[in-house]
Amino acid sequence: MAKKGNRVQVILECTEHKETGKPGTSRYITTKNKKNTPDRMEIKKFNPVLKRMTVHKEIK
């Protein structure tokens, strides 16, 4: 059964984590309306490994 509406689940991944060389990744799952936000999301979220707020971008 297909879902109605334009909301889709997206995964947000930290952009600064890879550069530090520390193991693991910081990822969040959220939803967005693809009609209102057709381009990729970019949100500041807390990274527990780095212990600070970092930019998280949507990945495919």
N, C-alpha and C. Protein backbone atom coordinates (compact mmCIF):
# COMPACT_ATOMS: atom_id res chain seq x y z
N MET A 1 0.84 -1.18 0.00
CA MET A 1 0.00 0.00 0.00
C MET A 1 0.89 1.25 0.00
N ALA A 2 0.67 2.14 -0.93
CA ALA A 2 1.48 3.36 -1.07
C ALA A 2 1.03 4.41 -0.06
N LYS A 3 2.00 5.15 0.47
CA LYS A 3 1.71 6.23 1.41
C LYS A 3 1.21 7.45 0.65
N LYS A 4 0.26 8.14 1.22
CA LYS A 4 -0.21 9.38 0.62
C LYS A 4 0.63 10.54 1.12
N GLY A 5 0.74 11.58 0.31
CA GLY A 5 1.45 12.78 0.73
C GLY A 5 2.86 12.86 0.16
N ASN A 6 3.55 13.91 0.58
CA ASN A 6 4.88 14.22 0.05
C ASN A 6 6.00 14.07 1.07
N ARG A 7 5.68 13.54 2.26
CA ARG A 7 6.70 13.40 3.30
C ARG A 7 7.54 12.15 3.07
N VAL A 8 8.87 12.34 3.12
CA VAL A 8 9.80 11.22 2.94
C VAL A 8 10.82 11.22 4.07
N GLN A 9 11.32 10.03 4.42
CA GLN A 9 12.36 9.92 5.44
C GLN A 9 13.71 10.24 4.82
N VAL A 10 14.53 10.99 5.52
CA VAL A 10 15.87 11.33 5.06
C VAL A 10 16.88 11.07 6.18
N ILE A 11 18.12 10.78 5.79
CA ILE A 11 19.19 10.55 6.75
C ILE A 11 20.13 11.74 6.70
N LEU A 12 20.43 12.30 7.88
CA LEU A 12 21.36 13.42 7.99
C LEU A 12 22.67 12.90 8.57
N GLU A 13 23.80 13.23 7.92
CA GLU A 13 25.11 12.77 8.38
C GLU A 13 26.01 13.97 8.64
N CYS A 14 26.85 13.87 9.68
CA CYS A 14 27.77 14.94 10.05
C CYS A 14 28.81 15.15 8.96
N THR A 15 29.09 16.42 8.64
CA THR A 15 30.08 16.74 7.60
C THR A 15 31.48 16.87 8.18
N GLU A 16 31.61 17.20 9.46
CA GLU A 16 32.92 17.45 10.07
C GLU A 16 33.55 16.19 10.66
N HIS A 17 32.76 15.14 10.86
CA HIS A 17 33.25 13.95 11.57
C HIS A 17 34.35 13.21 10.79
N LYS A 18 34.21 13.09 9.49
CA LYS A 18 35.18 12.36 8.66
C LYS A 18 36.57 12.99 8.73
N GLU A 19 36.63 14.31 8.81
CA GLU A 19 37.90 15.03 8.81
C GLU A 19 38.69 14.82 10.11
N THR A 20 38.01 14.49 11.21
CA THR A 20 38.70 14.34 12.49
C THR A 20 39.45 13.02 12.60
N GLY A 21 39.01 12.00 11.86
CA GLY A 21 39.66 10.70 11.91
C GLY A 21 39.18 9.82 13.06
N LYS A 22 38.21 10.30 13.84
CA LYS A 22 37.67 9.51 14.94
C LYS A 22 36.74 8.42 14.40
N PRO A 23 36.68 7.25 15.07
CA PRO A 23 35.80 6.17 14.58
C PRO A 23 34.32 6.51 14.79
N GLY A 24 33.47 5.89 13.97
CA GLY A 24 32.03 6.09 14.07
C GLY A 24 31.53 7.23 13.22
N THR A 25 30.20 7.39 13.19
CA THR A 25 29.57 8.50 12.46
C THR A 25 28.41 9.04 13.29
N SER A 26 28.02 10.26 13.03
CA SER A 26 26.86 10.86 13.67
C SER A 26 25.78 11.00 12.60
N ARG A 27 24.69 10.24 12.79
CA ARG A 27 23.59 10.28 11.82
C ARG A 27 22.26 10.45 12.53
N TYR A 28 21.36 11.19 11.91
CA TYR A 28 20.01 11.38 12.41
C TYR A 28 19.03 11.04 11.30
N ILE A 29 17.87 10.50 11.66
CA ILE A 29 16.80 10.23 10.70
C ILE A 29 15.67 11.21 10.98
N THR A 30 15.16 11.85 9.93
CA THR A 30 14.07 12.79 10.07
C THR A 30 13.19 12.71 8.82
N THR A 31 12.14 13.49 8.77
CA THR A 31 11.27 13.52 7.59
C THR A 31 11.25 14.94 7.03
N LYS A 32 10.97 15.02 5.74
CA LYS A 32 10.83 16.33 5.11
C LYS A 32 9.75 16.25 4.05
N ASN A 33 9.19 17.40 3.72
CA ASN A 33 8.20 17.49 2.65
C ASN A 33 8.96 17.80 1.36
N LYS A 34 8.95 16.87 0.41
CA LYS A 34 9.76 17.06 -0.80
C LYS A 34 9.21 18.12 -1.74
N LYS A 35 7.95 18.55 -1.55
CA LYS A 35 7.42 19.66 -2.36
C LYS A 35 7.95 20.99 -1.84
N ASN A 36 7.99 21.16 -0.53
CA ASN A 36 8.45 22.42 0.08
C ASN A 36 9.97 22.52 0.10
N THR A 37 10.65 21.37 0.21
CA THR A 37 12.12 21.33 0.31
C THR A 37 12.67 20.36 -0.72
N PRO A 38 12.73 20.74 -1.99
CA PRO A 38 13.20 19.80 -3.02
C PRO A 38 14.70 19.54 -2.97
N ASP A 39 15.49 20.52 -2.50
CA ASP A 39 16.94 20.33 -2.43
C ASP A 39 17.31 19.65 -1.12
N ARG A 40 18.59 19.33 -0.97
CA ARG A 40 19.05 18.60 0.21
C ARG A 40 19.06 19.48 1.45
N MET A 41 18.67 18.89 2.58
CA MET A 41 18.61 19.61 3.86
C MET A 41 20.00 19.77 4.47
N GLU A 42 20.16 20.82 5.25
CA GLU A 42 21.41 21.08 5.97
C GLU A 42 21.02 21.70 7.30
N ILE A 43 21.25 20.96 8.40
CA ILE A 43 20.81 21.39 9.73
C ILE A 43 21.95 21.24 10.72
N LYS A 44 22.02 22.14 11.70
CA LYS A 44 23.00 21.99 12.77
C LYS A 44 22.40 21.07 13.83
N LYS A 45 23.11 19.97 14.14
CA LYS A 45 22.68 19.00 15.14
C LYS A 45 23.86 18.69 16.06
N PHE A 46 23.57 18.06 17.19
CA PHE A 46 24.62 17.71 18.15
C PHE A 46 25.32 16.43 17.72
N ASN A 47 26.66 16.46 17.71
CA ASN A 47 27.46 15.28 17.42
C ASN A 47 28.01 14.77 18.76
N PRO A 48 27.55 13.58 19.22
CA PRO A 48 27.98 13.09 20.54
C PRO A 48 29.46 12.69 20.59
N VAL A 49 30.06 12.32 19.47
CA VAL A 49 31.47 11.93 19.45
C VAL A 49 32.36 13.17 19.60
N LEU A 50 32.03 14.22 18.85
CA LEU A 50 32.81 15.47 18.93
C LEU A 50 32.36 16.36 20.09
N LYS A 51 31.22 16.04 20.68
CA LYS A 51 30.64 16.76 21.82
C LYS A 51 30.38 18.24 21.52
N ARG A 52 29.85 18.51 20.33
CA ARG A 52 29.48 19.89 19.98
C ARG A 52 28.49 19.87 18.81
N MET A 53 27.93 21.05 18.52
CA MET A 53 27.00 21.19 17.41
C MET A 53 27.79 21.24 16.09
N THR A 54 27.36 20.46 15.10
CA THR A 54 28.01 20.46 13.80
C THR A 54 26.94 20.46 12.71
N VAL A 55 27.35 20.75 11.49
CA VAL A 55 26.43 20.76 10.35
C VAL A 55 26.22 19.32 9.88
N HIS A 56 24.96 18.93 9.75
CA HIS A 56 24.58 17.62 9.24
C HIS A 56 23.87 17.82 7.90
N LYS A 57 24.33 17.10 6.87
CA LYS A 57 23.71 17.21 5.54
C LYS A 57 22.99 15.93 5.18
N GLU A 58 21.97 16.07 4.34
CA GLU A 58 21.20 14.93 3.87
C GLU A 58 22.05 14.07 2.93
N ILE A 59 21.98 12.74 3.13
CA ILE A 59 22.68 11.82 2.23
C ILE A 59 21.63 10.97 1.53
N LYS A 60 22.01 10.39 0.39
CA LYS A 60 21.09 9.54 -0.36
C LYS A 60 20.95 8.20 0.31
